[in-house]
Amino acid sequence: AEMYQSNNSELPTLTRVLLAMSNFL
């Protein structure tokens, strides 16, 4: 997630779901 924050490109749906789950946990 830290590595992708510097990248402004849109992330795939699966990646966004996993990042949201990680933040929630």
PDB file of all heavy atoms in Angstrom:
ATOM      1  N   ALA A   1       0.832  -1.215   0.000  1.00  0.00           N
ATOM      2  CA  ALA A   1       0.000   0.000   0.000  1.00  0.00           C
ATOM      3  C   ALA A   1       0.861   1.258   0.000  1.00  0.00           C
ATOM      4  O   ALA A   1       0.566   2.232  -0.710  1.00  0.00           O
ATOM      5  CB  ALA A   1      -0.919  -0.013   1.227  1.00  0.00           C
ATOM      6  N   GLU A   2       1.955   1.259   0.785  1.00  0.00           N
ATOM      7  CA  GLU A   2       2.877   2.404   0.811  1.00  0.00           C
ATOM      8  C   GLU A   2       3.532   2.604  -0.549  1.00  0.00           C
ATOM      9  O   GLU A   2       3.746   3.736  -0.988  1.00  0.00           O
ATOM     10  CB  GLU A   2       3.945   2.162   1.880  1.00  0.00           C
ATOM     11  CG  GLU A   2       3.407   2.201   3.303  1.00  0.00           C
ATOM     12  CD  GLU A   2       4.470   1.843   4.336  1.00  0.00           C
ATOM     13  OE1 GLU A   2       5.642   1.647   3.915  1.00  0.00           O
ATOM     14  OE2 GLU A   2       4.147   1.751   5.534  1.00  0.00           O
ATOM     15  N   MET A   3       3.837   1.502  -1.210  1.00  0.00           N
ATOM     16  CA  MET A   3       4.490   1.598  -2.520  1.00  0.00           C
ATOM     17  C   MET A   3       3.532   2.167  -3.568  1.00  0.00           C
ATOM     18  O   MET A   3       3.922   2.948  -4.436  1.00  0.00           O
ATOM     19  CB  MET A   3       4.970   0.210  -2.935  1.00  0.00           C
ATOM     20  CG  MET A   3       5.735   0.176  -4.256  1.00  0.00           C
ATOM     21  SD  MET A   3       6.393  -1.470  -4.622  1.00  0.00           S
ATOM     22  CE  MET A   3       4.880  -2.375  -4.895  1.00  0.00           C
ATOM     23  N   TYR A   4       2.233   1.817  -3.452  1.00  0.00           N
ATOM     24  CA  TYR A   4       1.260   2.260  -4.453  1.00  0.00           C
ATOM     25  C   TYR A   4       0.748   3.677  -4.195  1.00  0.00           C
ATOM     26  O   TYR A   4       0.110   4.281  -5.067  1.00  0.00           O
ATOM     27  CB  TYR A   4       0.071   1.292  -4.504  1.00  0.00           C
ATOM     28  CG  TYR A   4       0.441  -0.095  -4.977  1.00  0.00           C
ATOM     29  CD1 TYR A   4      -0.195  -1.221  -4.441  1.00  0.00           C
ATOM     30  CD2 TYR A   4       1.416  -0.285  -5.964  1.00  0.00           C
ATOM     31  CE1 TYR A   4       0.126  -2.495  -4.853  1.00  0.00           C
ATOM     32  CE2 TYR A   4       1.747  -1.566  -6.391  1.00  0.00           C
ATOM     33  CZ  TYR A   4       1.109  -2.669  -5.831  1.00  0.00           C
ATOM     34  OH  TYR A   4       1.434  -3.925  -6.253  1.00  0.00           O
ATOM     35  N   GLN A   5       1.003   4.220  -2.999  1.00  0.00           N
ATOM     36  CA  GLN A   5       0.528   5.575  -2.684  1.00  0.00           C
ATOM     37  C   GLN A   5       1.200   6.628  -3.560  1.00  0.00           C
ATOM     38  O   GLN A   5       0.598   7.645  -3.899  1.00  0.00           O
ATOM     39  CB  GLN A   5       0.783   5.888  -1.209  1.00  0.00           C
ATOM     40  CG  GLN A   5      -0.274   5.321  -0.270  1.00  0.00           C
ATOM     41  CD  GLN A   5       0.019   5.624   1.183  1.00  0.00           C
ATOM     42  OE1 GLN A   5       1.091   6.147   1.505  1.00  0.00           O
ATOM     43  NE2 GLN A   5      -0.925   5.296   2.062  1.00  0.00           N
ATOM     44  N   SER A   6       2.457   6.364  -3.892  1.00  0.00           N
ATOM     45  CA  SER A   6       3.192   7.321  -4.739  1.00  0.00           C
ATOM     46  C   SER A   6       2.743   7.265  -6.192  1.00  0.00           C
ATOM     47  O   SER A   6       3.041   8.156  -6.982  1.00  0.00           O
ATOM     48  CB  SER A   6       4.701   7.036  -4.658  1.00  0.00           C
ATOM     49  OG  SER A   6       4.970   5.700  -5.061  1.00  0.00           O
ATOM     50  N   ASN A   7       2.037   6.214  -6.538  1.00  0.00           N
ATOM     51  CA  ASN A   7       1.563   6.051  -7.915  1.00  0.00           C
ATOM     52  C   ASN A   7       0.111   6.527  -7.997  1.00  0.00           C
ATOM     53  O   ASN A   7      -0.756   6.050  -7.285  1.00  0.00           O
ATOM     54  CB  ASN A   7       1.671   4.567  -8.298  1.00  0.00           C
ATOM     55  CG  ASN A   7       1.395   4.355  -9.787  1.00  0.00           C
ATOM     56  OD1 ASN A   7       1.129   5.301 -10.522  1.00  0.00           O
ATOM     57  ND2 ASN A   7       1.448   3.103 -10.205  1.00  0.00           N
ATOM     58  N   ASN A   8      -0.141   7.495  -8.867  1.00  0.00           N
ATOM     59  CA  ASN A   8      -1.473   8.080  -8.990  1.00  0.00           C
ATOM     60  C   ASN A   8      -2.412   7.287  -9.884  1.00  0.00           C
ATOM     61  O   ASN A   8      -3.582   7.640 -10.022  1.00  0.00           O
ATOM     62  CB  ASN A   8      -1.384   9.524  -9.519  1.00  0.00           C
ATOM     63  CG  ASN A   8      -0.670  10.424  -8.519  1.00  0.00           C
ATOM     64  OD1 ASN A   8      -0.826  10.252  -7.305  1.00  0.00           O
ATOM     65  ND2 ASN A   8       0.111  11.368  -9.020  1.00  0.00           N
ATOM     66  N   SER A   9      -1.911   6.244 -10.519  1.00  0.00           N
ATOM     67  CA  SER A   9      -2.748   5.452 -11.421  1.00  0.00           C
ATOM     68  C   SER A   9      -3.801   4.679 -10.637  1.00  0.00           C
ATOM     69  O   SER A   9      -3.602   4.335  -9.473  1.00  0.00           O
ATOM     70  CB  SER A   9      -1.894   4.473 -12.238  1.00  0.00           C
ATOM     71  OG  SER A   9      -1.211   3.591 -11.374  1.00  0.00           O
ATOM     72  N   GLU A  10      -4.913   4.405 -11.312  1.00  0.00           N
ATOM     73  CA  GLU A  10      -6.021   3.700 -10.661  1.00  0.00           C
ATOM     74  C   GLU A  10      -5.650   2.239 -10.434  1.00  0.00           C
ATOM     75  O   GLU A  10      -5.153   1.559 -11.327  1.00  0.00           O
ATOM     76  CB  GLU A  10      -7.280   3.799 -11.531  1.00  0.00           C
ATOM     77  CG  GLU A  10      -8.512   3.231 -10.835  1.00  0.00           C
ATOM     78  CD  GLU A  10      -9.765   3.358 -11.686  1.00  0.00           C
ATOM     79  OE1 GLU A  10      -9.674   3.990 -12.766  1.00  0.00           O
ATOM     80  OE2 GLU A  10     -10.810   2.815 -11.287  1.00  0.00           O
ATOM     81  N   LEU A  11      -5.915   1.756  -9.216  1.00  0.00           N
ATOM     82  CA  LEU A  11      -5.587   0.370  -8.850  1.00  0.00           C
ATOM     83  C   LEU A  11      -6.713  -0.563  -9.266  1.00  0.00           C
ATOM     84  O   LEU A  11      -7.887  -0.174  -9.296  1.00  0.00           O
ATOM     85  CB  LEU A  11      -5.373   0.255  -7.340  1.00  0.00           C
ATOM     86  CG  LEU A  11      -4.195   1.038  -6.755  1.00  0.00           C
ATOM     87  CD1 LEU A  11      -4.214   0.955  -5.236  1.00  0.00           C
ATOM     88  CD2 LEU A  11      -2.870   0.502  -7.296  1.00  0.00           C
ATOM     89  N   PRO A  12      -6.382  -1.832  -9.580  1.00  0.00           N
ATOM     90  CA  PRO A  12      -7.422  -2.822  -9.914  1.00  0.00           C
ATOM     91  C   PRO A  12      -8.387  -3.024  -8.742  1.00  0.00           C
ATOM     92  O   PRO A  12      -8.049  -2.798  -7.576  1.00  0.00           O
ATOM     93  CB  PRO A  12      -6.621  -4.096 -10.192  1.00  0.00           C
ATOM     94  CG  PRO A  12      -5.237  -3.637 -10.500  1.00  0.00           C
ATOM     95  CD  PRO A  12      -5.024  -2.382  -9.722  1.00  0.00           C
ATOM     96  N   THR A  13      -9.594  -3.471  -9.045  1.00  0.00           N
ATOM     97  CA  THR A  13     -10.633  -3.665  -8.026  1.00  0.00           C
ATOM     98  C   THR A  13     -10.178  -4.626  -6.934  1.00  0.00           C
ATOM     99  O   THR A  13     -10.388  -4.380  -5.740  1.00  0.00           O
ATOM    100  CB  THR A  13     -11.928  -4.194  -8.678  1.00  0.00           C
ATOM    101  OG1 THR A  13     -12.315  -3.313  -9.722  1.00  0.00           O
ATOM    102  CG2 THR A  13     -13.045  -4.303  -7.648  1.00  0.00           C
ATOM    103  N   LEU A  14      -9.556  -5.741  -7.326  1.00  0.00           N
ATOM    104  CA  LEU A  14      -9.094  -6.732  -6.356  1.00  0.00           C
ATOM    105  C   LEU A  14      -8.082  -6.136  -5.384  1.00  0.00           C
ATOM    106  O   LEU A  14      -8.139  -6.383  -4.172  1.00  0.00           O
ATOM    107  CB  LEU A  14      -8.487  -7.934  -7.088  1.00  0.00           C
ATOM    108  CG  LEU A  14      -7.944  -9.074  -6.211  1.00  0.00           C
ATOM    109  CD1 LEU A  14      -9.046  -9.659  -5.327  1.00  0.00           C
ATOM    110  CD2 LEU A  14      -7.317 -10.181  -7.074  1.00  0.00           C
ATOM    111  N   THR A  15      -7.178  -5.314  -5.898  1.00  0.00           N
ATOM    112  CA  THR A  15      -6.157  -4.680  -5.049  1.00  0.00           C
ATOM    113  C   THR A  15      -6.801  -3.708  -4.069  1.00  0.00           C
ATOM    114  O   THR A  15      -6.430  -3.664  -2.889  1.00  0.00           O
ATOM    115  CB  THR A  15      -5.130  -3.945  -5.926  1.00  0.00           C
ATOM    116  OG1 THR A  15      -4.614  -4.846  -6.903  1.00  0.00           O
ATOM    117  CG2 THR A  15      -3.981  -3.406  -5.090  1.00  0.00           C
ATOM    118  N   ARG A  16      -7.788  -2.928  -4.566  1.00  0.00           N
ATOM    119  CA  ARG A  16      -8.470  -1.973  -3.684  1.00  0.00           C
ATOM    120  C   ARG A  16      -9.225  -2.687  -2.561  1.00  0.00           C
ATOM    121  O   ARG A  16      -9.225  -2.237  -1.407  1.00  0.00           O
ATOM    122  CB  ARG A  16      -9.441  -1.100  -4.498  1.00  0.00           C
ATOM    123  CG  ARG A  16      -8.758  -0.145  -5.477  1.00  0.00           C
ATOM    124  CD  ARG A  16      -9.671   1.027  -5.841  1.00  0.00           C
ATOM    125  NE  ARG A  16     -10.960   0.561  -6.342  1.00  0.00           N
ATOM    126  CZ  ARG A  16     -11.217   0.289  -7.631  1.00  0.00           C
ATOM    127  NH1 ARG A  16     -10.258   0.423  -8.537  1.00  0.00           N
ATOM    128  NH2 ARG A  16     -12.406  -0.128  -7.991  1.00  0.00           N
ATOM    129  N   VAL A  17      -9.851  -3.802  -2.892  1.00  0.00           N
ATOM    130  CA  VAL A  17     -10.578  -4.595  -1.879  1.00  0.00           C
ATOM    131  C   VAL A  17      -9.622  -5.118  -0.818  1.00  0.00           C
ATOM    132  O   VAL A  17      -9.893  -5.039   0.387  1.00  0.00           O
ATOM    133  CB  VAL A  17     -11.341  -5.760  -2.553  1.00  0.00           C
ATOM    134  CG1 VAL A  17     -11.881  -6.726  -1.500  1.00  0.00           C
ATOM    135  CG2 VAL A  17     -12.487  -5.225  -3.400  1.00  0.00           C
ATOM    136  N   LEU A  18      -8.468  -5.649  -1.250  1.00  0.00           N
ATOM    137  CA  LEU A  18      -7.476  -6.184  -0.307  1.00  0.00           C
ATOM    138  C   LEU A  18      -6.894  -5.090   0.585  1.00  0.00           C
ATOM    139  O   LEU A  18      -6.698  -5.292   1.788  1.00  0.00           O
ATOM    140  CB  LEU A  18      -6.354  -6.895  -1.069  1.00  0.00           C
ATOM    141  CG  LEU A  18      -6.726  -8.241  -1.718  1.00  0.00           C
ATOM    142  CD1 LEU A  18      -5.599  -8.737  -2.602  1.00  0.00           C
ATOM    143  CD2 LEU A  18      -7.048  -9.282  -0.645  1.00  0.00           C
ATOM    144  N   LEU A  19      -6.629  -3.920  -0.003  1.00  0.00           N
ATOM    145  CA  LEU A  19      -6.107  -2.800   0.778  1.00  0.00           C
ATOM    146  C   LEU A  19      -7.133  -2.318   1.812  1.00  0.00           C
ATOM    147  O   LEU A  19      -6.774  -1.989   2.951  1.00  0.00           O
ATOM    148  CB  LEU A  19      -5.717  -1.644  -0.143  1.00  0.00           C
ATOM    149  CG  LEU A  19      -4.499  -1.904  -1.049  1.00  0.00           C
ATOM    150  CD1 LEU A  19      -4.296  -0.727  -2.002  1.00  0.00           C
ATOM    151  CD2 LEU A  19      -3.236  -2.127  -0.207  1.00  0.00           C
ATOM    152  N   ALA A  20      -8.414  -2.299   1.415  1.00  0.00           N
ATOM    153  CA  ALA A  20      -9.482  -1.892   2.341  1.00  0.00           C
ATOM    154  C   ALA A  20      -9.609  -2.897   3.484  1.00  0.00           C
ATOM    155  O   ALA A  20      -9.778  -2.519   4.653  1.00  0.00           O
ATOM    156  CB  ALA A  20     -10.806  -1.771   1.582  1.00  0.00           C
ATOM    157  N   MET A  21      -9.524  -4.192   3.155  1.00  0.00           N
ATOM    158  CA  MET A  21      -9.587  -5.236   4.191  1.00  0.00           C
ATOM    159  C   MET A  21      -8.409  -5.119   5.148  1.00  0.00           C
ATOM    160  O   MET A  21      -8.561  -5.257   6.367  1.00  0.00           O
ATOM    161  CB  MET A  21      -9.587  -6.628   3.536  1.00  0.00           C
ATOM    162  CG  MET A  21     -10.892  -7.003   2.854  1.00  0.00           C
ATOM    163  SD  MET A  21     -10.766  -8.596   1.992  1.00  0.00           S
ATOM    164  CE  MET A  21     -10.455  -9.711   3.361  1.00  0.00           C
ATOM    165  N   SER A  22      -7.232  -4.849   4.601  1.00  0.00           N
ATOM    166  CA  SER A  22      -6.032  -4.706   5.425  1.00  0.00           C
ATOM    167  C   SER A  22      -6.158  -3.515   6.378  1.00  0.00           C
ATOM    168  O   SER A  22      -5.845  -3.626   7.570  1.00  0.00           O
ATOM    169  CB  SER A  22      -4.807  -4.526   4.526  1.00  0.00           C
ATOM    170  OG  SER A  22      -3.654  -4.306   5.294  1.00  0.00           O
ATOM    171  N   ASN A  23      -6.626  -2.385   5.865  1.00  0.00           N
ATOM    172  CA  ASN A  23      -6.814  -1.197   6.715  1.00  0.00           C
ATOM    173  C   ASN A  23      -7.833  -1.451   7.820  1.00  0.00           C
ATOM    174  O   ASN A  23      -7.636  -1.049   8.972  1.00  0.00           O
ATOM    175  CB  ASN A  23      -7.265  -0.007   5.858  1.00  0.00           C
ATOM    176  CG  ASN A  23      -6.129   0.516   4.991  1.00  0.00           C
ATOM    177  OD1 ASN A  23      -4.951   0.398   5.349  1.00  0.00           O
ATOM    178  ND2 ASN A  23      -6.471   1.082   3.840  1.00  0.00           N
ATOM    179  N   PHE A  24      -8.944  -2.110   7.449  1.00  0.00           N
ATOM    180  CA  PHE A  24      -9.996  -2.399   8.426  1.00  0.00           C
ATOM    181  C   PHE A  24      -9.473  -3.314   9.543  1.00  0.00           C
ATOM    182  O   PHE A  24      -9.739  -3.075  10.728  1.00  0.00           O
ATOM    183  CB  PHE A  24     -11.184  -3.053   7.720  1.00  0.00           C
ATOM    184  CG  PHE A  24     -12.292  -3.445   8.650  1.00  0.00           C
ATOM    185  CD1 PHE A  24     -13.160  -2.501   9.174  1.00  0.00           C
ATOM    186  CD2 PHE A  24     -12.462  -4.781   9.019  1.00  0.00           C
ATOM    187  CE1 PHE A  24     -14.172  -2.871  10.041  1.00  0.00           C
ATOM    188  CE2 PHE A  24     -13.467  -5.158   9.893  1.00  0.00           C
ATOM    189  CZ  PHE A  24     -14.331  -4.196  10.398  1.00  0.00           C
ATOM    190  N   LEU A  25      -8.709  -4.354   9.170  1.00  0.00           N
ATOM    191  CA  LEU A  25      -8.164  -5.287  10.158  1.00  0.00           C
ATOM    192  C   LEU A  25      -7.169  -4.591  11.090  1.00  0.00           C
ATOM    193  O   LEU A  25      -7.167  -4.829  12.306  1.00  0.00           O
ATOM    194  CB  LEU A  25      -7.484  -6.459   9.459  1.00  0.00           C
ATOM    195  CG  LEU A  25      -8.408  -7.533   8.867  1.00  0.00           C
ATOM    196  CD1 LEU A  25      -7.615  -8.526   8.020  1.00  0.00           C
ATOM    197  CD2 LEU A  25      -9.146  -8.279   9.973  1.00  0.00           C
TER     198      LEU A  25
END
